[in-house]
N, C-alpha and C. Protein backbone atom coordinates (compact mmCIF):
# COMPACT_ATOMS: atom_id res chain seq x y z
N MET A 1 7.87 -13.07 6.01
CA MET A 1 6.46 -12.57 5.66
C MET A 1 6.86 -11.89 4.09
N LEU A 2 5.76 -11.51 3.43
CA LEU A 2 5.95 -10.51 2.11
C LEU A 2 6.03 -9.23 2.81
N PRO A 3 6.89 -8.33 2.01
CA PRO A 3 6.69 -7.06 2.41
C PRO A 3 5.33 -6.73 2.02
N LEU A 4 5.48 -5.18 2.35
CA LEU A 4 3.88 -4.32 1.86
C LEU A 4 4.48 -3.45 1.01
N PHE A 5 3.54 -3.20 0.24
CA PHE A 5 3.72 -1.91 -0.82
C PHE A 5 2.75 -0.94 -0.48
N VAL A 6 3.15 0.13 -0.48
CA VAL A 6 2.38 1.59 0.59
C VAL A 6 2.39 2.61 -0.54
N TYR A 7 1.25 3.51 -0.46
CA TYR A 7 0.86 4.39 -1.62
C TYR A 7 0.57 5.68 -1.01
N GLY A 8 -0.12 5.61 0.01
CA GLY A 8 -1.13 6.44 0.65
C GLY A 8 -0.57 7.29 1.78
N SER A 9 -1.40 7.65 3.05
CA SER A 9 -0.60 8.18 4.44
C SER A 9 0.00 7.37 4.75
N LEU A 10 0.77 5.94 4.75
CA LEU A 10 1.89 5.42 5.13
C LEU A 10 3.19 5.61 4.40
N LEU A 11 2.72 6.80 3.32
CA LEU A 11 4.52 6.96 3.11
C LEU A 11 5.16 7.68 4.01
N ASP A 12 4.06 8.67 4.96
CA ASP A 12 4.65 9.45 5.70
C ASP A 12 5.59 8.47 7.11
N PRO A 13 6.87 8.39 7.16
CA PRO A 13 7.74 8.02 8.19
C PRO A 13 7.04 8.03 9.48
N VAL A 14 7.25 9.73 9.77
CA VAL A 14 6.39 9.69 11.34
C VAL A 14 4.95 9.11 11.46
N HIS A 15 4.24 8.82 10.62
CA HIS A 15 2.98 8.58 10.47
C HIS A 15 2.65 7.13 10.49
N ARG A 16 3.77 6.33 10.01
CA ARG A 16 4.19 5.10 9.81
C ARG A 16 4.32 4.61 11.06
N ALA A 17 5.14 5.09 11.98
CA ALA A 17 5.60 5.19 12.91
C ALA A 17 4.68 5.20 14.47
N GLU A 18 4.04 6.07 13.99
CA GLU A 18 2.66 6.18 14.77
C GLU A 18 1.80 5.08 14.95
N VAL A 19 1.55 4.54 13.60
CA VAL A 19 0.43 3.35 13.55
C VAL A 19 1.17 2.54 14.07
N LEU A 20 2.46 1.80 13.62
CA LEU A 20 3.03 0.59 14.06
C LEU A 20 3.34 0.76 15.31
N GLY A 21 3.85 1.61 15.96
CA GLY A 21 4.42 1.95 17.03
C GLY A 21 6.00 1.76 16.92
N HIS A 22 6.77 1.50 16.00
CA HIS A 22 8.17 1.43 15.60
C HIS A 22 8.20 2.03 14.26
N SER A 23 9.90 2.38 14.02
CA SER A 23 10.02 2.90 12.46
C SER A 23 9.98 1.50 11.81
N ALA A 24 9.85 1.81 10.21
CA ALA A 24 9.96 0.90 9.35
C ALA A 24 10.25 1.45 8.23
N ASP A 25 11.53 1.31 7.70
CA ASP A 25 12.01 1.96 6.32
C ASP A 25 11.60 1.33 5.14
N GLY A 26 11.71 1.73 4.05
CA GLY A 26 10.93 1.32 3.14
C GLY A 26 11.50 1.95 1.87
N VAL A 27 11.78 1.00 0.83
CA VAL A 27 12.58 0.80 -0.14
C VAL A 27 11.74 1.28 -1.52
N PRO A 28 12.07 2.45 -2.34
CA PRO A 28 11.50 3.12 -3.25
C PRO A 28 10.48 1.71 -4.33
N ALA A 29 9.45 1.89 -4.78
CA ALA A 29 9.00 0.67 -5.90
C ALA A 29 8.05 1.76 -6.45
N THR A 30 7.82 0.93 -7.46
CA THR A 30 6.61 1.51 -8.83
C THR A 30 5.83 0.05 -9.02
N LEU A 31 4.65 0.57 -9.19
CA LEU A 31 3.36 -0.28 -9.35
C LEU A 31 2.88 0.35 -10.80
N HIS A 32 2.99 -0.48 -11.65
CA HIS A 32 2.57 -0.18 -13.08
C HIS A 32 0.96 -0.87 -13.28
N GLY A 33 0.33 0.14 -14.22
CA GLY A 33 -1.17 -0.59 -14.23
C GLY A 33 -2.02 -0.12 -13.19
N TYR A 34 -1.50 0.90 -12.36
CA TYR A 34 -2.61 1.42 -11.34
C TYR A 34 -2.33 2.82 -11.37
N GLU A 35 -3.46 3.50 -10.81
CA GLU A 35 -3.50 5.22 -10.58
C GLU A 35 -3.81 5.22 -9.07
N ARG A 36 -3.63 6.57 -8.83
CA ARG A 36 -3.96 6.43 -7.44
C ARG A 36 -4.93 7.61 -7.44
N GLY A 37 -5.67 7.34 -6.18
CA GLY A 37 -6.65 8.26 -6.31
C GLY A 37 -7.20 8.73 -4.85
N ARG A 38 -8.13 9.50 -4.47
CA ARG A 38 -8.16 9.88 -2.99
C ARG A 38 -9.91 10.49 -3.26
N SER A 39 -10.63 9.80 -2.18
CA SER A 39 -11.57 10.61 -1.86
C SER A 39 -12.06 10.88 -0.29
N ARG A 40 -12.05 10.02 0.94
CA ARG A 40 -11.71 10.00 2.08
C ARG A 40 -11.15 9.61 2.14
N TYR A 41 -10.08 8.15 1.73
CA TYR A 41 -9.15 7.87 2.09
C TYR A 41 -8.42 7.60 0.58
N TRP A 42 -6.68 7.30 0.54
CA TRP A 42 -6.14 7.33 -0.79
C TRP A 42 -6.73 5.57 -0.89
N PHE A 43 -6.79 5.56 -2.30
CA PHE A 43 -6.83 4.49 -2.88
C PHE A 43 -6.43 4.07 -4.42
N ILE A 44 -6.07 2.94 -4.79
CA ILE A 44 -5.77 2.67 -6.29
C ILE A 44 -6.71 1.88 -6.74
N ARG A 45 -6.41 1.84 -8.23
CA ARG A 45 -7.46 1.24 -9.10
C ARG A 45 -6.49 1.16 -10.22
N ARG A 46 -6.74 -0.16 -11.00
CA ARG A 46 -6.54 -0.61 -12.02
C ARG A 46 -6.56 0.41 -13.19
N ARG A 47 -5.51 0.85 -13.92
CA ARG A 47 -5.80 1.49 -15.07
C ARG A 47 -4.40 1.52 -16.17
N GLU A 48 -4.57 1.02 -17.10
CA GLU A 48 -3.25 0.69 -18.07
C GLU A 48 -2.63 2.37 -18.32
N GLY A 49 -1.44 2.02 -18.61
CA GLY A 49 -0.34 3.06 -19.24
C GLY A 49 0.12 3.96 -17.95
N VAL A 50 -0.47 3.82 -16.80
CA VAL A 50 0.16 4.66 -15.77
C VAL A 50 0.76 3.81 -14.78
N GLN A 51 1.51 4.50 -13.78
CA GLN A 51 2.20 4.16 -12.55
C GLN A 51 2.40 4.89 -11.64
N ILE A 52 2.19 3.84 -10.06
CA ILE A 52 2.50 4.57 -8.80
C ILE A 52 3.40 4.50 -8.12
N ASP A 53 4.09 5.52 -7.76
CA ASP A 53 5.06 5.57 -6.95
C ASP A 53 5.25 5.19 -5.49
N GLY A 54 5.33 4.58 -4.93
CA GLY A 54 5.30 4.05 -3.53
C GLY A 54 6.66 3.50 -2.60
N LEU A 55 6.23 2.94 -1.56
CA LEU A 55 7.76 2.33 -1.15
C LEU A 55 6.86 0.83 -0.56
N VAL A 56 8.03 0.19 -0.58
CA VAL A 56 8.01 -1.17 -0.04
C VAL A 56 8.67 -1.75 1.35
N LEU A 57 7.81 -1.98 2.32
CA LEU A 57 8.52 -2.01 3.43
C LEU A 57 8.81 -3.62 3.51
N ALA A 58 9.61 -3.62 4.36
CA ALA A 58 10.32 -5.02 4.82
C ALA A 58 10.19 -5.37 5.89
N ASN A 59 10.41 -6.33 6.52
CA ASN A 59 10.94 -7.01 7.83
C ASN A 59 9.30 -6.70 8.82
N LEU A 60 8.19 -6.72 8.02
CA LEU A 60 7.09 -6.63 9.00
C LEU A 60 6.58 -8.12 10.04
N ASN A 61 6.30 -7.86 10.93
CA ASN A 61 5.50 -9.18 11.32
C ASN A 61 4.30 -9.73 11.71
N ALA A 62 4.09 -10.34 11.94
CA ALA A 62 2.32 -10.51 12.34
C ALA A 62 1.65 -9.85 13.00
N ARG A 63 2.29 -9.49 13.99
CA ARG A 63 1.67 -8.07 15.08
C ARG A 63 1.55 -7.05 13.88
N ASP A 64 2.70 -6.78 13.31
CA ASP A 64 2.67 -5.26 12.28
C ASP A 64 1.18 -5.68 11.40
N TYR A 65 1.36 -6.73 10.85
CA TYR A 65 0.26 -6.95 9.67
C TYR A 65 -1.37 -6.95 10.25
N ALA A 66 -1.34 -7.33 11.65
CA ALA A 66 -2.52 -7.31 12.65
C ALA A 66 -3.05 -6.33 12.70
N THR A 67 -2.05 -4.95 13.36
CA THR A 67 -2.18 -3.66 13.37
C THR A 67 -2.78 -2.67 11.94
N LEU A 68 -1.91 -2.97 11.06
CA LEU A 68 -2.19 -2.66 9.63
C LEU A 68 -3.65 -2.85 9.13
N ASP A 69 -3.85 -4.17 9.42
CA ASP A 69 -4.99 -4.52 9.09
C ASP A 69 -6.32 -3.75 9.78
N ALA A 70 -6.07 -3.88 11.23
CA ALA A 70 -6.93 -2.89 12.00
C ALA A 70 -7.10 -1.53 10.95
N TYR A 71 -6.10 -0.88 10.93
CA TYR A 71 -5.84 0.78 10.90
C TYR A 71 -6.55 0.66 9.40
N GLU A 72 -6.28 -0.24 8.42
CA GLU A 72 -6.86 -0.02 7.18
C GLU A 72 -8.49 -0.61 7.07
N GLU A 73 -8.86 -0.93 8.24
CA GLU A 73 -10.31 -1.57 8.79
C GLU A 73 -10.58 -2.63 7.27
N VAL A 74 -9.52 -3.39 7.36
CA VAL A 74 -9.88 -5.30 6.85
C VAL A 74 -10.87 -5.79 7.27
N PRO A 75 -12.08 -5.99 6.76
CA PRO A 75 -12.58 -6.18 5.46
C PRO A 75 -13.36 -4.95 4.65
N THR A 76 -13.72 -4.24 5.41
CA THR A 76 -14.37 -2.88 5.29
C THR A 76 -14.31 -2.18 4.22
N LEU A 77 -13.13 -1.34 4.51
CA LEU A 77 -12.50 -0.13 3.74
C LEU A 77 -11.89 -0.59 2.67
N TYR A 78 -10.68 -2.07 3.18
CA TYR A 78 -9.70 -2.20 2.35
C TYR A 78 -9.66 -3.83 2.17
N THR A 79 -9.11 -4.84 1.48
CA THR A 79 -8.66 -5.84 1.28
C THR A 79 -6.74 -5.88 1.34
N ARG A 80 -6.50 -6.77 1.96
CA ARG A 80 -5.13 -6.92 1.63
C ARG A 80 -4.77 -8.31 0.49
N GLU A 81 -4.08 -7.60 -0.70
CA GLU A 81 -4.09 -8.91 -1.47
C GLU A 81 -2.22 -8.90 -2.20
N GLN A 82 -2.14 -9.95 -2.55
CA GLN A 82 -0.59 -9.95 -3.01
C GLN A 82 -0.86 -9.27 -4.59
N ILE A 83 0.55 -8.62 -4.58
CA ILE A 83 0.54 -7.71 -6.27
C ILE A 83 2.19 -8.03 -6.14
N GLU A 84 2.85 -7.53 -7.80
CA GLU A 84 3.79 -7.45 -7.76
C GLU A 84 4.45 -6.02 -8.39
N VAL A 85 5.34 -5.44 -7.42
CA VAL A 85 6.01 -3.71 -8.03
C VAL A 85 7.36 -4.17 -8.10
N ALA A 86 7.74 -2.96 -9.07
CA ALA A 86 9.38 -3.24 -9.60
C ALA A 86 10.06 -2.37 -8.43
N GLY A 87 11.14 -2.96 -8.17
CA GLY A 87 11.98 -2.62 -6.89
C GLY A 87 13.08 -1.03 -7.81
N PRO A 88 13.67 -0.45 -6.87
CA PRO A 88 14.73 0.57 -7.52
C PRO A 88 15.56 0.03 -8.56
N ASP A 89 15.56 -1.35 -8.67
CA ASP A 89 16.67 -2.03 -10.02
C ASP A 89 15.80 -2.76 -11.04
N GLY A 90 14.55 -2.45 -11.01
CA GLY A 90 13.65 -2.91 -11.61
C GLY A 90 13.13 -3.77 -11.79
N ALA A 91 13.69 -5.26 -10.43
CA ALA A 91 13.44 -6.15 -10.53
C ALA A 91 11.95 -6.66 -9.54
N LEU A 92 11.25 -7.54 -9.97
CA LEU A 92 10.07 -7.43 -9.42
C LEU A 92 10.02 -8.02 -7.89
N ILE A 93 9.33 -7.32 -6.86
CA ILE A 93 8.84 -7.84 -5.52
C ILE A 93 7.68 -8.36 -5.69
N ARG A 94 7.26 -9.14 -5.00
CA ARG A 94 6.16 -9.82 -4.72
C ARG A 94 5.70 -9.33 -3.42
N CYS A 95 4.69 -8.69 -3.05
CA CYS A 95 4.35 -8.14 -1.70
C CYS A 95 2.61 -8.35 -1.54
N TRP A 96 2.58 -7.32 -0.10
CA TRP A 96 0.69 -7.16 -0.08
C TRP A 96 0.81 -5.77 -0.48
N VAL A 97 -0.66 -5.53 -0.72
CA VAL A 97 -0.78 -3.96 -1.18
C VAL A 97 -2.12 -4.03 -0.35
N TYR A 98 -2.81 -2.84 0.07
CA TYR A 98 -4.05 -2.69 0.63
C TYR A 98 -4.90 -2.21 -0.51
N LEU A 99 -5.93 -2.98 -1.44
CA LEU A 99 -6.57 -2.44 -2.20
C LEU A 99 -8.30 -2.26 -1.79
N PRO A 100 -8.90 -1.30 -2.45
CA PRO A 100 -10.04 -1.02 -1.37
C PRO A 100 -11.14 -1.64 -1.76
N THR A 101 -12.12 -1.38 -1.15
CA THR A 101 -13.43 -2.27 -1.62
C THR A 101 -14.67 -1.33 -2.15
N ASP A 102 -15.55 -1.20 -2.46
CA ASP A 102 -16.90 -0.92 -3.45
C ASP A 102 -16.28 0.64 -3.44
N TRP A 103 -16.21 1.06 -1.74
CA TRP A 103 -16.28 2.57 -1.57
C TRP A 103 -15.46 3.31 -2.71
N ALA A 104 -14.90 2.71 -3.10
CA ALA A 104 -13.80 3.61 -4.12
C ALA A 104 -13.86 3.71 -5.49
N ALA A 105 -15.18 2.62 -5.83
CA ALA A 105 -15.79 2.42 -7.59
C ALA A 105 -16.24 3.78 -8.32
N ALA A 106 -16.45 5.19 -7.38
CA ALA A 106 -16.80 5.96 -7.82
C ALA A 106 -15.84 6.78 -8.47
N PRO A 107 -15.32 7.37 -9.82
CA PRO A 107 -14.99 8.27 -10.31
C PRO A 107 -14.10 9.34 -9.09
N SER A 108 -12.83 9.74 -8.79
CA SER A 108 -12.35 10.52 -8.13
C SER A 108 -12.27 11.91 -8.05
N GLU A 109 -12.41 13.03 -7.64
CA GLU A 109 -12.29 13.90 -7.95
C GLU A 109 -11.19 14.96 -8.62
């Protein structure tokens, strides 16, 4: 399965382990052309000239993604889509990311 790029609450390793039921290590990664915001929940949206630092989680299985989809309330709050991020060495990594549905369309505070 593809790895997952995380940028919000799942950056915290303790919280991530609570959600998944096991630890999941990540490597630093950067998503170019997006900005991070927060209303009630963290979200990202396209914006040229900016970037988001996050983590890529590898070795997730189908059960992990089912758990994460439920946690992210897919398809109500987020959708899971493929994206490319830059790894620590600059190489592009194809991975999943959770993108917000329409709730995040309003400008962030």
